[in-house]
Amino acid sequence: MVTMRDVAKRVGVSVATVSRVLNDSGYVKEDTRKTVLAAIEEMNFKPNSVARSLFKKQSKTIGLIVPDINNPFFPQLARAVEDVTSEADFTVFLCNSDGKIEKEIRYFDRLQQKYVDGVLVVSNTLKPEHLSQYHFPIIALDRPLDSSLPYVTCNNYEGAQKATRHLLECGCGKIAHISGPENIANARDRLQGYKDVVSEVGLYDENLIIPAEYQIESAKRAAFKLLTNYPDIDGIFAGNDVMAIGVIKAAELLGYKVPEQLKVVGFDGIEFGDIITPELTTVSQPVYQMGSTAAAMLLDLIEGKPIHQKEITFQVELLVKRSTQT
């Protein structure tokens, strides 16, 4: 393997001169710089990235911690982050935490050992005391973590109101909600948006609310329970699109026709919603814009630039598809 010493010997300069060229620091004559760079290319020298990061105090890497990479929402988010950071010549370490705090802390420890320059994290468990020991900028994505941390999210409450009102406008008279996990902030906001709308029109019934995980099978079980106990339910607002797909599958197995007998609305706007039959009506988040915005904010913090807005909440849009159109 070619070393810095080999390059220095080939050119006839000191190792320190080669180091200054590599790290673009200190004075080196322009002719010498060009000769060193030509030798580096000719000898296919690969500088040790860890050594360079220690010298420059920057590794050109960031961490992205998400709870469940199987949820199609998060690959779309990760793609946006990767696109922005790649343009800045950064590499992304993707970490799947399963929503477990012990895994999140372990990933933070390992990322610090790898000298990452910053972390984007989607978490509902971490607290300020867990993060105080880490010496890089952190931005919360999809859901706020703490008022001291910058975050990027969407208006979950308003989106849930739009979904529920749409079901009312479609003529639904008994609307159920399969909510996300109670310990996740966006699930609570979506639940509250649903509650406020059905309460306004006198249709609130706590028996029509069942919490589930942000997963297909969990939502299928919840939908089975709801539709078996209350067969006159004619509308279901699911906490996310993956859950809404589970609702449609459960309805199909129970003999319900969607949307003729049961109308279904999801939340997120993932691409999978257009693949299933019927196509899913959803509250669409600007997923790519959220991911790219958070990544750009993190890069600014890494470079020591001020960010003018620490709390960014994007608006959402109701996309009406076949799952509510009769």
Protein backbone atom coordinates (compact mmCIF):
# COMPACT_ATOMS: atom_id res chain seq x y z
CA MET A 1 0.00 0.00 0.00
CA VAL A 2 1.36 3.41 -0.98
CA THR A 3 2.12 5.70 1.96
CA MET A 4 2.67 9.42 2.34
CA ARG A 5 6.37 8.65 2.83
CA ASP A 6 6.45 6.92 -0.58
CA VAL A 7 4.94 9.99 -2.26
CA ALA A 8 7.43 12.28 -0.51
CA LYS A 9 10.33 10.08 -1.63
CA ARG A 10 9.11 10.03 -5.25
CA VAL A 11 8.86 13.82 -5.42
CA GLY A 12 11.91 14.55 -3.28
CA VAL A 13 10.13 16.58 -0.59
CA SER A 14 9.44 16.08 3.09
CA VAL A 15 6.45 14.15 4.45
CA ALA A 16 5.29 17.42 6.03
CA THR A 17 5.11 19.04 2.59
CA VAL A 18 2.93 16.20 1.25
CA SER A 19 0.71 16.57 4.32
CA ARG A 20 0.33 20.32 3.72
CA VAL A 21 -0.72 19.66 0.13
CA LEU A 22 -3.24 17.00 1.15
CA ASN A 23 -4.79 19.14 3.86
CA ASP A 24 -4.49 22.43 1.95
CA SER A 25 -2.74 24.03 4.92
CA GLY A 26 0.47 25.99 5.21
CA TYR A 27 2.60 27.44 2.42
CA VAL A 28 3.72 25.21 -0.48
CA LYS A 29 5.14 26.55 -3.75
CA GLU A 30 2.68 26.14 -6.60
CA ASP A 31 5.10 24.07 -8.71
CA THR A 32 5.74 21.76 -5.77
CA ARG A 33 2.00 21.43 -5.09
CA LYS A 34 1.33 20.41 -8.70
CA THR A 35 4.18 17.88 -8.63
CA VAL A 36 2.92 16.33 -5.38
CA LEU A 37 -0.66 16.10 -6.68
CA ALA A 38 0.56 14.48 -9.91
CA ALA A 39 2.52 11.91 -7.91
CA ILE A 40 -0.48 11.19 -5.70
CA GLU A 41 -2.61 10.48 -8.77
CA GLU A 42 0.07 8.47 -10.54
CA MET A 43 0.78 6.31 -7.47
CA ASN A 44 -2.94 5.98 -6.64
CA PHE A 45 -2.29 7.12 -3.07
CA LYS A 46 -5.33 6.93 -0.78
CA PRO A 47 -4.95 9.13 2.31
CA ASN A 48 -6.08 7.60 5.60
CA SER A 49 -9.49 9.17 6.20
CA VAL A 50 -9.31 8.83 9.98
CA ALA A 51 -5.91 10.49 10.13
CA ARG A 52 -7.12 13.30 7.89
CA SER A 53 -10.24 13.80 10.02
CA LEU A 54 -8.11 14.08 13.16
CA PHE A 55 -5.90 16.67 11.46
CA LYS A 56 -8.70 18.70 9.91
CA LYS A 57 -11.20 18.14 12.75
CA GLN A 58 -13.76 17.07 10.13
CA SER A 59 -14.54 13.57 8.82
CA LYS A 60 -17.00 14.61 6.08
CA THR A 61 -19.50 12.10 7.50
CA ILE A 62 -22.86 12.43 9.24
CA GLY A 63 -25.16 9.96 10.95
CA LEU A 64 -28.84 9.42 10.16
CA ILE A 65 -30.75 7.48 12.82
CA VAL A 66 -34.26 6.27 11.92
CA PRO A 67 -36.61 3.96 13.84
CA ASP A 68 -37.69 1.59 11.07
CA ILE A 69 -36.10 1.46 7.63
CA ASN A 70 -38.85 -0.98 6.54
CA ASN A 71 -41.34 1.89 6.66
CA PRO A 72 -41.20 3.38 3.13
CA PHE A 73 -41.40 6.88 4.59
CA PHE A 74 -37.83 6.67 5.90
CA PRO A 75 -36.04 5.59 2.69
CA GLN A 76 -37.65 8.60 0.98
CA LEU A 77 -36.36 10.80 3.81
CA ALA A 78 -32.90 9.18 3.66
CA ARG A 79 -32.69 9.75 -0.10
CA ALA A 80 -33.19 13.48 0.38
CA VAL A 81 -30.53 13.61 3.09
CA GLU A 82 -28.08 11.64 0.96
CA ASP A 83 -28.66 13.83 -2.10
CA VAL A 84 -27.89 17.05 -0.21
CA THR A 85 -24.91 15.74 1.75
CA SER A 86 -23.41 14.01 -1.27
CA GLU A 87 -23.34 17.35 -3.11
CA ALA A 88 -21.21 18.64 -0.24
CA ASP A 89 -18.94 15.57 -0.46
CA PHE A 90 -20.26 14.08 2.79
CA THR A 91 -21.03 10.41 3.45
CA VAL A 92 -24.09 9.26 5.44
CA PHE A 93 -24.02 6.46 8.02
CA LEU A 94 -27.57 5.03 8.14
CA CYS A 95 -28.60 3.56 11.50
CA ASN A 96 -31.84 1.65 12.19
CA SER A 97 -32.81 1.94 15.87
CA ASP A 98 -36.13 0.03 15.98
CA GLY A 99 -37.29 2.91 18.19
CA LYS A 100 -35.26 1.53 21.12
CA ILE A 101 -33.42 4.04 23.27
CA GLU A 102 -30.55 1.67 24.05
CA LYS A 103 -29.86 1.25 20.33
CA GLU A 104 -30.09 5.00 19.74
CA ILE A 105 -27.55 5.71 22.50
CA ARG A 106 -25.27 2.95 21.22
CA TYR A 107 -25.38 4.44 17.74
CA PHE A 108 -24.58 7.91 19.09
CA ASP A 109 -21.59 6.48 20.95
CA ARG A 110 -20.31 4.71 17.85
CA LEU A 111 -20.86 7.72 15.63
CA GLN A 112 -18.85 9.87 18.02
CA GLN A 113 -16.07 7.25 17.94
CA LYS A 114 -16.14 7.52 14.13
CA TYR A 115 -15.65 11.30 14.40
CA VAL A 116 -18.87 12.11 12.53
CA ASP A 117 -19.47 15.82 12.02
CA GLY A 118 -23.17 15.79 12.92
CA VAL A 119 -26.29 13.65 13.32
CA LEU A 120 -29.87 13.75 12.08
CA VAL A 121 -32.13 11.68 14.32
CA VAL A 122 -35.75 10.52 14.26
CA SER A 123 -36.56 9.56 17.86
CA ASN A 124 -39.34 9.70 20.40
CA THR A 125 -37.30 8.46 23.37
CA LEU A 126 -34.11 10.53 23.64
CA LYS A 127 -33.91 13.31 26.25
CA PRO A 128 -31.51 16.26 26.62
CA GLU A 129 -29.56 14.41 29.31
CA HIS A 130 -28.85 11.59 26.84
CA LEU A 131 -27.38 13.99 24.27
CA SER A 132 -25.33 16.41 26.38
CA GLN A 133 -22.13 14.31 26.09
CA TYR A 134 -21.94 14.46 22.28
CA HIS A 135 -19.77 17.12 20.72
CA PHE A 136 -21.36 17.55 17.30
CA PRO A 137 -24.50 19.32 16.05
CA ILE A 138 -27.75 17.33 16.23
CA ILE A 139 -31.01 18.01 14.40
CA ALA A 140 -34.29 16.22 15.10
CA LEU A 141 -36.17 15.12 12.01
CA ASP A 142 -39.86 14.23 11.56
CA ARG A 143 -40.63 14.82 15.25
CA PRO A 144 -39.30 17.35 17.82
CA LEU A 145 -37.01 16.03 20.56
CA ASP A 146 -36.41 19.00 22.81
CA SER A 147 -36.83 22.75 22.59
CA SER A 148 -33.06 23.22 22.69
CA LEU A 149 -32.53 21.17 19.51
CA PRO A 150 -33.37 22.39 16.00
CA TYR A 151 -36.01 20.26 14.30
CA VAL A 152 -37.86 19.80 11.02
CA THR A 153 -41.37 18.35 10.99
CA CYS A 154 -44.81 18.86 9.43
CA ASN A 155 -48.16 20.09 10.71
CA ASN A 156 -49.51 16.75 11.90
CA TYR A 157 -52.48 18.23 13.76
CA GLU A 158 -53.76 20.17 10.75
CA GLY A 159 -53.18 17.18 8.50
CA ALA A 160 -55.31 14.96 10.72
CA GLN A 161 -58.07 17.55 10.67
CA LYS A 162 -57.98 17.60 6.87
CA ALA A 163 -58.19 13.80 6.71
CA THR A 164 -61.13 13.60 9.12
CA ARG A 165 -63.05 16.47 7.51
CA HIS A 166 -62.58 14.82 4.11
CA LEU A 167 -64.24 11.65 5.41
CA LEU A 168 -67.14 13.73 6.72
CA GLU A 169 -67.46 15.48 3.34
CA CYS A 170 -67.57 12.04 1.70
CA GLY A 171 -70.70 11.29 3.74
CA CYS A 172 -69.16 9.12 6.46
CA GLY A 173 -71.20 9.08 9.66
CA LYS A 174 -69.11 6.74 11.81
CA ILE A 175 -65.41 7.48 11.54
CA ALA A 176 -62.79 5.48 13.42
CA HIS A 177 -59.13 6.26 13.99
CA ILE A 178 -56.26 3.78 14.23
CA SER A 179 -53.61 5.92 15.86
CA GLY A 180 -49.86 5.53 15.96
CA PRO A 181 -47.95 4.66 19.15
CA GLU A 182 -49.01 6.86 22.06
CA ASN A 183 -45.41 7.77 22.94
CA ILE A 184 -44.73 9.37 19.55
CA ALA A 185 -45.43 13.09 19.29
CA ASN A 186 -46.73 13.06 15.71
CA ALA A 187 -49.15 10.23 16.56
CA ARG A 188 -50.53 12.26 19.46
CA ASP A 189 -50.94 15.33 17.25
CA ARG A 190 -52.77 13.31 14.58
CA LEU A 191 -55.02 11.76 17.21
CA GLN A 192 -55.88 15.18 18.62
CA GLY A 193 -56.68 16.54 15.17
CA TYR A 194 -59.09 13.65 14.60
CA LYS A 195 -60.70 14.05 18.04
CA ASP A 196 -61.32 17.76 17.62
CA VAL A 197 -63.06 17.36 14.26
CA VAL A 198 -65.36 14.48 15.24
CA SER A 199 -66.17 16.27 18.50
CA GLU A 200 -67.21 19.39 16.59
CA VAL A 201 -69.92 17.42 14.79
CA GLY A 202 -71.00 15.28 17.73
CA LEU A 203 -69.46 12.02 16.44
CA TYR A 204 -66.75 11.49 19.05
CA ASP A 205 -66.70 7.96 20.48
CA GLU A 206 -63.60 6.77 22.33
CA ASN A 207 -64.46 3.18 21.38
CA LEU A 208 -63.68 4.04 17.77
CA ILE A 209 -60.04 4.82 18.59
CA ILE A 210 -57.45 2.04 18.74
CA PRO A 211 -53.70 2.62 19.10
CA ALA A 212 -51.38 0.47 17.01
CA GLU A 213 -47.80 0.42 15.77
CA TYR A 214 -46.80 2.18 12.56
CA GLN A 215 -46.88 -1.23 10.83
CA ILE A 216 -49.19 -3.13 8.47
CA GLU A 217 -49.88 -6.18 10.65
CA SER A 218 -50.58 -4.13 13.76
CA ALA A 219 -53.04 -1.97 11.82
CA LYS A 220 -54.70 -5.04 10.29
CA ARG A 221 -55.39 -6.43 13.77
CA ALA A 222 -56.79 -3.10 14.92
CA ALA A 223 -59.02 -2.82 11.83
CA PHE A 224 -60.31 -6.38 12.34
CA LYS A 225 -61.27 -5.48 15.90
CA LEU A 226 -62.98 -2.24 14.93
CA LEU A 227 -64.93 -3.62 11.97
CA THR A 228 -65.96 -6.74 13.83
CA ASN A 229 -67.23 -4.84 16.86
CA TYR A 230 -68.70 -1.94 14.90
CA PRO A 231 -69.69 -3.19 11.43
CA ASP A 232 -71.38 0.14 10.60
CA ILE A 233 -68.08 2.02 10.56
CA ASP A 234 -67.90 3.69 7.15
CA GLY A 235 -64.67 5.67 7.43
CA ILE A 236 -61.23 5.04 8.94
CA PHE A 237 -58.41 7.53 9.31
CA ALA A 238 -55.16 5.62 9.84
CA GLY A 239 -52.14 7.15 11.58
CA ASN A 240 -49.87 6.65 8.57
CA ASP A 241 -49.98 5.18 5.06
CA VAL A 242 -48.48 1.84 6.06
CA MET A 243 -51.29 1.42 8.61
CA ALA A 244 -53.88 2.50 6.03
CA ILE A 245 -52.65 -0.28 3.74
CA GLY A 246 -53.17 -2.69 6.63
CA VAL A 247 -56.72 -1.35 7.04
CA ILE A 248 -57.51 -1.94 3.36
CA LYS A 249 -56.16 -5.50 3.58
CA ALA A 250 -58.26 -6.22 6.67
CA ALA A 251 -61.37 -4.75 5.05
CA GLU A 252 -60.80 -6.91 2.00
CA LEU A 253 -60.57 -10.07 4.11
CA LEU A 254 -63.78 -9.14 5.96
CA GLY A 255 -65.65 -8.55 2.69
CA TYR A 256 -65.84 -4.76 2.83
CA LYS A 257 -65.62 -2.91 -0.46
CA VAL A 258 -63.30 0.10 -0.40
CA PRO A 259 -64.45 2.82 -1.03
CA GLU A 260 -68.09 1.82 -1.57
CA GLN A 261 -68.68 0.55 1.99
CA LEU A 262 -65.59 1.83 3.78
CA LYS A 263 -63.51 4.88 3.02
CA VAL A 264 -59.86 4.96 4.14
CA VAL A 265 -57.39 7.84 4.53
CA GLY A 266 -53.72 7.56 5.46
CA PHE A 267 -50.96 10.01 6.32
CA ASP A 268 -47.47 10.56 4.81
CA GLY A 269 -47.86 10.41 1.03
CA ILE A 270 -45.47 7.51 0.44
CA GLU A 271 -45.16 6.13 -3.09
CA PHE A 272 -46.57 2.73 -2.06
CA GLY A 273 -49.98 4.36 -1.68
CA ASP A 274 -50.24 4.62 -5.46
CA ILE A 275 -49.34 0.96 -5.98
CA ILE A 276 -52.09 -0.66 -3.92
CA THR A 277 -55.69 -1.11 -5.06
CA PRO A 278 -57.55 1.12 -4.56
CA GLU A 279 -55.02 3.96 -4.62
CA LEU A 280 -54.77 5.51 -1.20
CA THR A 281 -56.15 8.91 -0.24
CA THR A 282 -53.54 10.44 2.01
CA VAL A 283 -52.31 13.52 3.80
CA SER A 284 -49.04 14.12 2.00
CA GLN A 285 -45.98 15.43 3.78
CA PRO A 286 -43.28 17.12 1.68
CA VAL A 287 -40.94 14.27 2.65
CA TYR A 288 -38.09 15.12 0.30
CA GLN A 289 -38.18 18.80 1.23
CA MET A 290 -38.15 17.94 4.93
CA GLY A 291 -35.12 15.68 4.56
CA SER A 292 -33.20 18.07 2.33
CA THR A 293 -33.95 21.04 4.60
CA ALA A 294 -32.75 19.19 7.70
CA ALA A 295 -29.58 18.07 5.90
CA ALA A 296 -28.83 21.61 4.73
CA MET A 297 -29.34 22.93 8.26
CA LEU A 298 -26.94 20.33 9.64
CA LEU A 299 -24.28 21.18 7.06
CA ASP A 300 -24.57 24.85 8.00
CA LEU A 301 -24.07 24.02 11.68
CA ILE A 302 -21.07 21.83 10.84
CA GLU A 303 -19.51 24.74 8.93
CA GLY A 304 -20.18 27.07 11.85
CA LYS A 305 -22.82 29.07 10.00
CA PRO A 306 -25.85 30.40 11.88
CA ILE A 307 -29.26 28.92 11.12
CA HIS A 308 -31.97 31.55 11.08
CA GLN A 309 -34.84 29.24 11.99
CA LYS A 310 -34.44 26.43 14.54
CA GLU A 311 -37.99 25.08 14.33
CA ILE A 312 -39.37 24.37 10.86
CA THR A 313 -42.88 22.99 10.37
CA PHE A 314 -44.00 22.23 6.82
CA GLN A 315 -47.61 22.34 5.72
CA VAL A 316 -49.32 19.22 4.39
CA GLU A 317 -51.68 18.51 1.50
CA LEU A 318 -54.68 16.19 1.19
CA LEU A 319 -54.33 14.01 -1.92
CA VAL A 320 -57.68 12.46 -2.83
CA LYS A 321 -57.41 9.06 -4.53
CA ARG A 322 -59.66 6.05 -5.10
CA SER A 323 -59.84 4.85 -1.46
CA THR A 324 -62.38 7.62 -0.73
CA GLN A 325 -63.90 8.20 -4.19
CA THR A 326 -67.11 6.37 -5.01
